[in-house]
Amino acid sequence: MLKTAIPSIYPPEGSYEFSAVHADLSCATPGAKVHYTLDGSTPTAESPVYRRSEGLLPLKGVHGSSVRRVVRAFAVADGMEPSPEVSFTYDFHCFPKGSYRHSMLREPAPDAAGLIRIEDHDLDKMYLVIGSQRAVLVDGGWDAEGDLLGLCRDLTGHALPIDLVVAHGHSDHIMQAQRFLDAGQRVYLPHADLDLAASFGVHLTPEQVTDIGDGDVLDLGGCTLRAFTIPGHTPGGIVLLDEASGDLFASDEMGSNRRYVPDSAWLQMNPAATAESVLRRLDAFLEETRGKLRRIFTGHNDEILDANAYLETFRAALKKAVDQGPAGLSPSLRSAAESFGSGTAAIVGDWRLDPCWAAANLRFLRDQDRDADPPRYAPGFHPDITTNLGE
């Protein structure tokens, strides 16, 4: 009797510094079922069957600790012997709160701003842009206690004022805002996201923080950053463009396409956003910035993406949803319980193969769906599921 091929896994087993990996089990034998366990026990025919359509397998670490997770699995197909059991080991070595690491991406020069990427304990990305007269930190991370401003001062030699721009009001990007304010630094935040920030315990007033949106320009000396409002992920979210270098600092406003935690545009988190409305704004943004984009820096990607290639794919995913409706949606890579209620997504490209794959989890496909009474949710969206953004 023929034997079923052993299961394979993606991403590969190994050591990870991030707090979670979302794993995909697969088998080269057509029609095979993959039985698995996550608790170290031996998988049997009674063990769960992996189905990608129900979401990838979340494997999680613990901040400040080293944790091992083991996936054990075998595959079996009709009329064939079961495969041998295989196991996959993931070691998580997560940073403690209060710790940051940084990497110089570009030294300051007369014709270009300096650029340093900073990561907090959960590897949330922040970008310190250094001009000749002042510096700007794009986003404030998840850690409310770490001395992020002190690190930025050390990185700039205590020679420049340092402003903080919070691109949107989610908890993993805003937690240092109050510490910057307490130190007398200027903080920018779209006022449309003030209520959202307050929902995560960061209570800021219009008098404390400077509003920022379409057309606002930050002059750093030898470098200017232009703001564009891209509502979708949040009501007031912005991106910043350094037109001289073509660097686009997008935070989460245009999604993130990490491979080990497949992300999407998270459009399901903003009740006002639809695939149609975001596509409309994206088209206007691409027209305004034609010929000016080179690289895109997101709030979570390890890789620096080609801005034109990624945004073309991102646009294609949104247009697929708008043009095809429910037929243009695929099962979300992360389950509805981990995707803020969204069990389907518009996806273009393969997260395992394509550097510029893109996806958009949705609450509403078109404006008329949002405005209907009652609202018509995208297929697979569960309005009663609210994923916990806390740790």
Protein backbone atom coordinates (compact mmCIF):
# COMPACT_ATOMS: atom_id res chain seq x y z
CA MET A 1 0.00 0.00 0.00
CA LEU A 2 1.27 3.48 -0.81
CA LYS A 3 2.23 5.73 2.10
CA THR A 4 0.94 9.28 2.60
CA ALA A 5 3.56 12.02 2.37
CA ILE A 6 4.64 13.58 5.65
CA PRO A 7 3.24 17.04 6.51
CA SER A 8 5.29 20.17 5.99
CA ILE A 9 5.00 23.49 7.83
CA TYR A 10 5.40 27.19 7.10
CA PRO A 11 7.08 29.30 8.38
CA PRO A 12 9.96 26.97 9.25
CA GLU A 13 10.62 25.82 12.77
CA GLY A 14 13.39 27.67 14.58
CA SER A 15 13.96 30.59 16.94
CA TYR A 16 11.76 33.68 16.87
CA GLU A 17 11.98 36.96 18.75
CA PHE A 18 8.41 37.98 18.01
CA SER A 19 5.62 36.93 20.37
CA ALA A 20 3.69 34.83 17.85
CA VAL A 21 3.98 32.77 14.69
CA HIS A 22 1.01 31.65 12.59
CA ALA A 23 1.78 28.26 11.10
CA ASP A 24 0.39 26.50 8.04
CA LEU A 25 0.43 22.68 7.78
CA SER A 26 0.29 21.11 4.33
CA CYS A 27 0.89 17.80 2.58
CA ALA A 28 2.02 16.89 -0.95
CA THR A 29 -0.43 13.98 -1.14
CA PRO A 30 -3.69 15.21 -2.76
CA GLY A 31 -6.69 15.04 -0.45
CA ALA A 32 -4.66 14.11 2.63
CA LYS A 33 -5.90 15.08 6.10
CA VAL A 34 -3.32 16.40 8.55
CA HIS A 35 -3.97 15.54 12.20
CA TYR A 36 -2.04 17.62 14.73
CA THR A 37 -1.49 18.47 18.38
CA LEU A 38 -0.05 21.61 19.97
CA ASP A 39 0.33 20.35 23.55
CA GLY A 40 3.18 17.92 23.02
CA SER A 41 0.95 14.84 22.94
CA THR A 42 1.09 12.19 20.21
CA PRO A 43 -1.41 12.94 17.42
CA THR A 44 -3.96 10.24 16.63
CA ALA A 45 -6.86 9.77 14.25
CA GLU A 46 -8.97 11.53 16.89
CA SER A 47 -6.75 14.62 16.95
CA PRO A 48 -7.94 17.82 15.21
CA VAL A 49 -7.66 18.04 11.45
CA TYR A 50 -5.91 21.14 10.18
CA ARG A 51 -7.98 23.26 7.78
CA ARG A 52 -6.40 26.42 6.44
CA SER A 53 -9.86 27.85 5.74
CA GLU A 54 -10.39 28.04 9.52
CA GLY A 55 -7.22 30.04 10.05
CA LEU A 56 -3.53 29.35 10.54
CA LEU A 57 -2.32 27.83 13.82
CA PRO A 58 -1.27 30.54 16.32
CA LEU A 59 1.88 29.65 18.29
CA LYS A 60 2.65 32.20 20.96
CA GLY A 61 5.53 33.19 23.20
CA VAL A 62 5.65 35.17 26.44
CA HIS A 63 7.21 38.62 26.72
CA GLY A 64 10.46 38.62 28.64
CA SER A 65 10.71 34.83 28.61
CA SER A 66 11.90 31.92 26.52
CA VAL A 67 9.15 29.48 25.57
CA ARG A 68 9.11 26.37 23.39
CA ARG A 69 6.09 25.32 21.32
CA VAL A 70 5.96 21.97 19.53
CA VAL A 71 3.62 21.02 16.68
CA ARG A 72 3.27 17.25 16.15
CA ALA A 73 1.44 15.97 13.09
CA PHE A 74 0.86 13.14 10.64
CA ALA A 75 -1.08 12.93 7.37
CA VAL A 76 -3.38 10.27 5.99
CA ALA A 77 -5.19 9.90 2.66
CA ASP A 78 -7.91 7.46 1.61
CA GLY A 79 -6.52 4.11 0.49
CA MET A 80 -3.01 4.91 1.76
CA GLU A 81 -1.00 4.22 4.88
CA PRO A 82 -0.63 7.14 7.30
CA SER A 83 2.58 9.08 7.09
CA PRO A 84 5.17 8.89 9.83
CA GLU A 85 4.69 11.45 12.59
CA VAL A 86 6.74 14.63 12.32
CA SER A 87 7.33 17.36 14.85
CA PHE A 88 8.22 21.04 14.49
CA THR A 89 9.80 23.04 17.31
CA TYR A 90 9.49 26.80 17.74
CA ASP A 91 11.57 28.56 20.37
CA PHE A 92 10.36 32.03 21.32
CA HIS A 93 12.85 34.42 22.91
CA CYS A 94 10.78 37.54 23.50
CA PHE A 95 12.20 40.81 24.74
CA PRO A 96 11.09 42.22 28.11
CA LYS A 97 9.11 45.43 28.29
CA GLY A 98 11.26 48.53 28.43
CA SER A 99 13.78 47.20 25.93
CA TYR A 100 14.42 48.66 22.49
CA ARG A 101 16.76 47.83 19.67
CA HIS A 102 17.74 50.01 16.76
CA SER A 103 19.43 49.86 13.38
CA MET A 104 20.84 52.63 11.22
CA LEU A 105 19.26 52.50 7.78
CA ARG A 106 20.83 55.73 6.45
CA GLU A 107 23.34 58.14 7.96
CA PRO A 108 22.42 61.83 7.89
CA ALA A 109 23.88 63.62 4.86
CA PRO A 110 23.52 67.08 3.30
CA ASP A 111 21.22 65.67 0.63
CA ALA A 112 19.27 63.10 2.68
CA ALA A 113 17.77 62.74 6.14
CA GLY A 114 19.21 60.17 8.50
CA LEU A 115 16.98 57.18 9.19
CA ILE A 116 17.04 54.80 12.15
CA ARG A 117 14.56 51.99 12.73
CA ILE A 118 13.64 51.34 16.37
CA GLU A 119 11.77 48.25 17.59
CA ASP A 120 10.10 47.79 20.97
CA HIS A 121 9.66 44.58 22.97
CA ASP A 122 7.05 43.25 20.53
CA LEU A 123 9.03 44.35 17.46
CA ASP A 124 6.64 47.20 16.63
CA LYS A 125 8.51 49.42 14.19
CA MET A 126 9.23 53.11 14.71
CA TYR A 127 11.31 55.33 12.45
CA LEU A 128 13.54 58.19 13.59
CA VAL A 129 13.97 60.63 10.70
CA ILE A 130 16.86 63.02 11.34
CA GLY A 131 17.08 66.39 9.58
CA SER A 132 19.57 69.18 10.13
CA GLN A 133 17.26 71.21 12.40
CA ARG A 134 15.02 68.65 14.10
CA ALA A 135 14.10 64.97 14.15
CA VAL A 136 10.76 63.21 13.93
CA LEU A 137 9.91 59.83 15.42
CA VAL A 138 7.15 58.14 13.43
CA ASP A 139 4.93 56.21 15.90
CA GLY A 140 5.35 55.56 19.59
CA GLY A 141 5.10 51.79 20.01
CA TRP A 142 3.36 49.56 22.53
CA ASP A 143 5.51 50.10 25.61
CA ALA A 144 4.31 52.87 27.92
CA GLU A 145 7.23 52.57 30.35
CA GLY A 146 10.41 52.36 28.27
CA ASP A 147 12.60 55.46 27.84
CA LEU A 148 12.05 55.84 24.12
CA LEU A 149 12.71 59.58 24.13
CA GLY A 150 16.00 59.03 25.97
CA LEU A 151 17.05 56.54 23.30
CA CYS A 152 16.14 58.98 20.52
CA ARG A 153 18.16 61.72 22.21
CA ASP A 154 21.15 59.42 22.51
CA LEU A 155 20.82 58.41 18.87
CA THR A 156 20.83 62.06 17.76
CA GLY A 157 23.56 63.17 20.16
CA HIS A 158 21.15 65.34 22.14
CA ALA A 159 21.58 67.94 19.38
CA LEU A 160 18.04 68.27 18.02
CA PRO A 161 14.45 68.70 19.19
CA ILE A 162 12.52 65.48 18.61
CA ASP A 163 8.85 65.51 17.65
CA LEU A 164 6.61 62.44 17.84
CA VAL A 165 4.12 61.75 15.06
CA VAL A 166 1.56 59.08 15.94
CA ALA A 167 0.14 57.96 12.61
CA HIS A 168 -2.98 56.35 14.10
CA GLY A 169 -4.54 55.74 17.47
CA HIS A 170 -4.08 52.01 18.07
CA SER A 171 -2.43 50.77 21.24
CA ASP A 172 0.65 49.30 19.57
CA HIS A 173 1.64 52.68 18.11
CA ILE A 174 0.64 55.33 20.66
CA MET A 175 1.82 54.33 24.11
CA GLN A 176 4.78 56.74 24.35
CA ALA A 177 2.72 59.82 23.50
CA GLN A 178 2.18 60.90 27.10
CA ARG A 179 5.87 60.48 28.01
CA PHE A 180 6.86 62.73 25.10
CA LEU A 181 4.29 65.31 26.20
CA ASP A 182 5.48 65.16 29.80
CA ALA A 183 9.00 65.88 28.56
CA GLY A 184 7.82 68.96 26.69
CA GLN A 185 8.08 67.47 23.20
CA ARG A 186 5.65 68.23 20.40
CA VAL A 187 3.28 65.36 19.61
CA TYR A 188 1.21 65.08 16.43
CA LEU A 189 -1.85 62.83 16.22
CA PRO A 190 -4.85 62.98 13.87
CA HIS A 191 -7.62 64.41 16.03
CA ALA A 192 -10.08 62.04 14.35
CA ASP A 193 -8.30 59.24 16.27
CA LEU A 194 -8.46 60.84 19.74
CA ASP A 195 -11.50 58.81 20.81
CA LEU A 196 -9.84 55.65 19.52
CA ALA A 197 -6.70 56.38 21.55
CA ALA A 198 -8.86 56.97 24.64
CA SER A 199 -10.41 53.52 24.19
CA PHE A 200 -6.93 52.09 24.83
CA GLY A 201 -6.40 54.21 27.94
CA VAL A 202 -4.41 56.99 26.26
CA HIS A 203 -6.44 60.11 27.02
CA LEU A 204 -5.24 63.10 25.03
CA THR A 205 -6.95 66.40 24.30
CA PRO A 206 -6.91 68.56 21.17
CA GLU A 207 -4.97 71.14 23.19
CA GLN A 208 -2.21 68.65 24.02
CA VAL A 209 -1.54 67.19 20.60
CA THR A 210 -1.27 68.84 17.20
CA ASP A 211 -3.67 67.63 14.54
CA ILE A 212 -2.06 66.34 11.36
CA GLY A 213 -3.56 65.35 8.03
CA ASP A 214 -3.73 65.97 4.30
CA GLY A 215 -1.25 68.58 3.08
CA ASP A 216 0.55 69.19 6.36
CA VAL A 217 4.33 69.42 5.94
CA LEU A 218 6.96 68.88 8.61
CA ASP A 219 10.23 70.70 7.85
CA LEU A 220 13.18 68.98 9.52
CA GLY A 221 15.86 71.03 7.79
CA GLY A 222 17.08 69.56 4.53
CA CYS A 223 14.11 67.18 4.62
CA THR A 224 10.36 67.61 4.54
CA LEU A 225 7.72 65.02 5.41
CA ARG A 226 4.31 65.47 3.77
CA ALA A 227 1.21 63.99 5.42
CA PHE A 228 -1.62 62.24 3.59
CA THR A 229 -4.78 61.10 5.35
CA ILE A 230 -5.64 57.48 4.47
CA PRO A 231 -8.77 56.60 6.47
CA GLY A 232 -9.52 52.90 6.49
CA HIS A 233 -7.53 51.22 9.22
CA THR A 234 -8.67 54.02 11.54
CA PRO A 235 -10.80 57.14 10.97
CA GLY A 236 -7.87 59.59 10.81
CA GLY A 237 -4.80 57.52 10.01
CA ILE A 238 -2.01 59.18 8.05
CA VAL A 239 1.11 58.28 6.09
CA LEU A 240 4.21 60.47 5.74
CA LEU A 241 6.21 60.86 2.53
CA ASP A 242 9.78 62.09 2.26
CA GLU A 243 9.53 63.29 -1.33
CA ALA A 244 13.30 63.69 -1.71
CA SER A 245 14.06 60.04 -0.93
CA GLY A 246 10.75 58.45 -1.90
CA ASP A 247 10.44 56.95 1.59
CA LEU A 248 6.82 56.36 2.62
CA PHE A 249 6.20 55.81 6.34
CA ALA A 250 2.85 54.04 6.28
CA SER A 251 2.42 52.70 9.83
CA ASP A 252 -0.60 50.33 9.43
CA GLU A 253 -2.61 52.51 7.06
CA MET A 254 -1.75 50.39 4.02
CA GLY A 255 -1.55 47.07 5.75
CA SER A 256 1.43 44.92 6.59
CA ASN A 257 2.45 41.72 4.83
CA ARG A 258 4.63 39.91 7.33
CA ARG A 259 5.08 36.24 6.58
CA TYR A 260 5.23 34.77 10.07
CA VAL A 261 2.11 36.65 11.19
CA PRO A 262 0.15 37.20 7.97
CA ASP A 263 -1.39 40.62 8.32
CA SER A 264 -3.80 42.54 6.17
CA ALA A 265 -5.15 46.06 5.83
CA TRP A 266 -7.34 45.53 8.92
CA LEU A 267 -10.18 47.44 7.27
CA GLN A 268 -12.66 45.57 9.44
CA MET A 269 -11.63 47.60 12.50
CA ASN A 270 -13.06 50.92 11.28
CA PRO A 271 -16.88 50.88 11.00
CA ALA A 272 -16.79 53.65 8.39
CA ALA A 273 -14.32 51.96 6.06
CA THR A 274 -15.30 49.92 3.02
CA ALA A 275 -13.16 48.33 0.33
CA GLU A 276 -14.73 50.84 -2.05
CA SER A 277 -13.97 53.93 0.05
CA VAL A 278 -10.37 52.91 0.71
CA LEU A 279 -9.80 52.08 -2.95
CA ARG A 280 -11.13 55.51 -3.88
CA ARG A 281 -8.74 57.24 -1.47
CA LEU A 282 -5.83 55.03 -2.49
CA ASP A 283 -6.36 55.92 -6.15
CA ALA A 284 -6.28 59.62 -5.29
CA PHE A 285 -3.11 59.14 -3.22
CA LEU A 286 -1.36 57.23 -6.02
CA GLU A 287 -2.26 60.00 -8.46
CA GLU A 288 -0.94 62.69 -6.09
CA THR A 289 2.33 60.85 -5.54
CA ARG A 290 2.93 59.53 -9.05
CA GLY A 291 6.66 59.14 -9.66
CA LYS A 292 7.55 60.05 -6.06
CA LEU A 293 7.34 56.69 -4.24
CA ARG A 294 10.31 54.39 -3.80
CA ARG A 295 10.20 52.46 -0.53
CA ILE A 296 7.48 51.72 2.01
CA PHE A 297 8.16 51.31 5.72
CA THR A 298 5.27 49.79 7.70
CA GLY A 299 4.67 49.48 11.41
CA HIS A 300 5.40 45.75 11.48
CA ASN A 301 7.32 44.55 8.42
CA ASP A 302 10.89 43.38 8.87
CA GLU A 303 11.44 43.91 5.15
CA ILE A 304 11.53 47.29 3.46
CA LEU A 305 9.13 46.97 0.54
CA ASP A 306 9.18 48.38 -2.96
CA ALA A 307 6.42 50.98 -2.61
CA ASN A 308 5.15 50.83 -6.18
CA ALA A 309 5.06 47.02 -6.36
CA TYR A 310 3.40 46.63 -2.98
CA LEU A 311 0.79 49.37 -3.46
CA GLU A 312 -0.07 48.01 -6.90
CA THR A 313 -0.78 44.64 -5.29
CA PHE A 314 -2.65 46.22 -2.39
CA ARG A 315 -4.80 48.14 -4.85
CA ALA A 316 -5.44 44.95 -6.82
CA ALA A 317 -6.70 43.22 -3.66
CA LEU A 318 -9.15 46.05 -2.91
CA LYS A 319 -10.32 46.23 -6.53
CA LYS A 320 -10.85 42.48 -6.56
CA ALA A 321 -13.23 42.83 -3.62
CA VAL A 322 -15.07 45.80 -5.12
CA ASP A 323 -15.39 44.33 -8.62
CA GLN A 324 -16.16 40.72 -7.71
CA GLY A 325 -18.00 41.13 -4.42
CA PRO A 326 -18.18 37.96 -2.31
CA ALA A 327 -16.65 35.93 -5.14
CA GLY A 328 -13.48 38.00 -4.76
CA LEU A 329 -12.96 36.97 -1.13
CA SER A 330 -10.90 34.11 0.28
CA PRO A 331 -10.77 32.66 3.80
CA SER A 332 -8.75 34.93 6.05
CA LEU A 333 -5.28 33.60 6.83
CA ARG A 334 -5.91 34.43 10.47
CA SER A 335 -9.18 33.20 11.93
CA ALA A 336 -12.09 35.56 12.59
CA ALA A 337 -11.28 35.30 16.30
CA GLU A 338 -7.81 36.69 15.58
CA SER A 339 -8.88 39.09 12.82
CA PHE A 340 -11.34 41.30 14.68
CA GLY A 341 -14.32 39.38 13.38
CA SER A 342 -13.26 39.05 9.74
CA GLY A 343 -13.19 35.48 8.48
CA THR A 344 -12.66 36.46 4.83
CA ALA A 345 -10.23 38.71 3.00
CA ALA A 346 -9.39 40.01 -0.45
CA ILE A 347 -5.97 38.51 -1.17
CA VAL A 348 -3.58 38.92 -4.11
CA GLY A 349 -0.36 36.90 -4.11
CA ASP A 350 0.84 34.09 -1.86
CA TRP A 351 2.20 35.04 1.55
CA ARG A 352 4.71 32.19 1.35
CA LEU A 353 6.12 33.11 -2.08
CA ASP A 354 5.52 36.75 -2.99
CA PRO A 355 7.41 39.57 -1.23
CA CYS A 356 4.64 41.98 -2.22
CA TRP A 357 1.55 39.90 -1.51
CA ALA A 358 -1.30 41.92 -0.02
CA ALA A 359 -4.57 41.27 1.75
CA ALA A 360 -7.50 43.24 3.07
CA ASN A 361 -9.73 41.87 5.80
CA LEU A 362 -13.08 43.63 5.49
CA ARG A 363 -16.20 44.57 7.36
CA PHE A 364 -17.97 46.07 4.34
CA LEU A 365 -17.35 45.62 0.63
CA ARG A 366 -19.06 48.73 -0.74
CA ASP A 367 -20.40 52.00 0.64
CA GLN A 368 -23.99 50.90 0.07
CA ASP A 369 -23.36 47.85 2.29
CA ARG A 370 -22.19 50.07 5.13
CA ASP A 371 -25.07 52.49 4.70
CA ALA A 372 -27.83 49.87 4.45
CA ASP A 373 -30.28 49.42 7.32
CA PRO A 374 -29.34 47.00 8.73
CA PRO A 375 -25.73 47.07 7.48
CA ARG A 376 -24.70 44.25 5.14
CA TYR A 377 -21.46 42.78 6.40
CA ALA A 378 -18.90 41.16 4.14
CA PRO A 379 -19.36 37.36 4.02
CA GLY A 380 -17.58 35.74 6.92
CA PHE A 381 -17.62 38.83 9.13
CA HIS A 382 -18.84 38.23 12.70
CA PRO A 383 -19.86 41.52 14.38
CA ASP A 384 -19.94 39.89 17.81
CA ILE A 385 -16.21 39.03 17.76
CA THR A 386 -13.88 41.66 19.19
CA THR A 387 -10.27 40.55 19.29
CA ASN A 388 -8.33 41.69 22.33
CA LEU A 389 -5.58 44.11 21.31
CA GLY A 390 -3.93 43.81 24.71
CA GLU A 391 -1.05 41.54 25.57
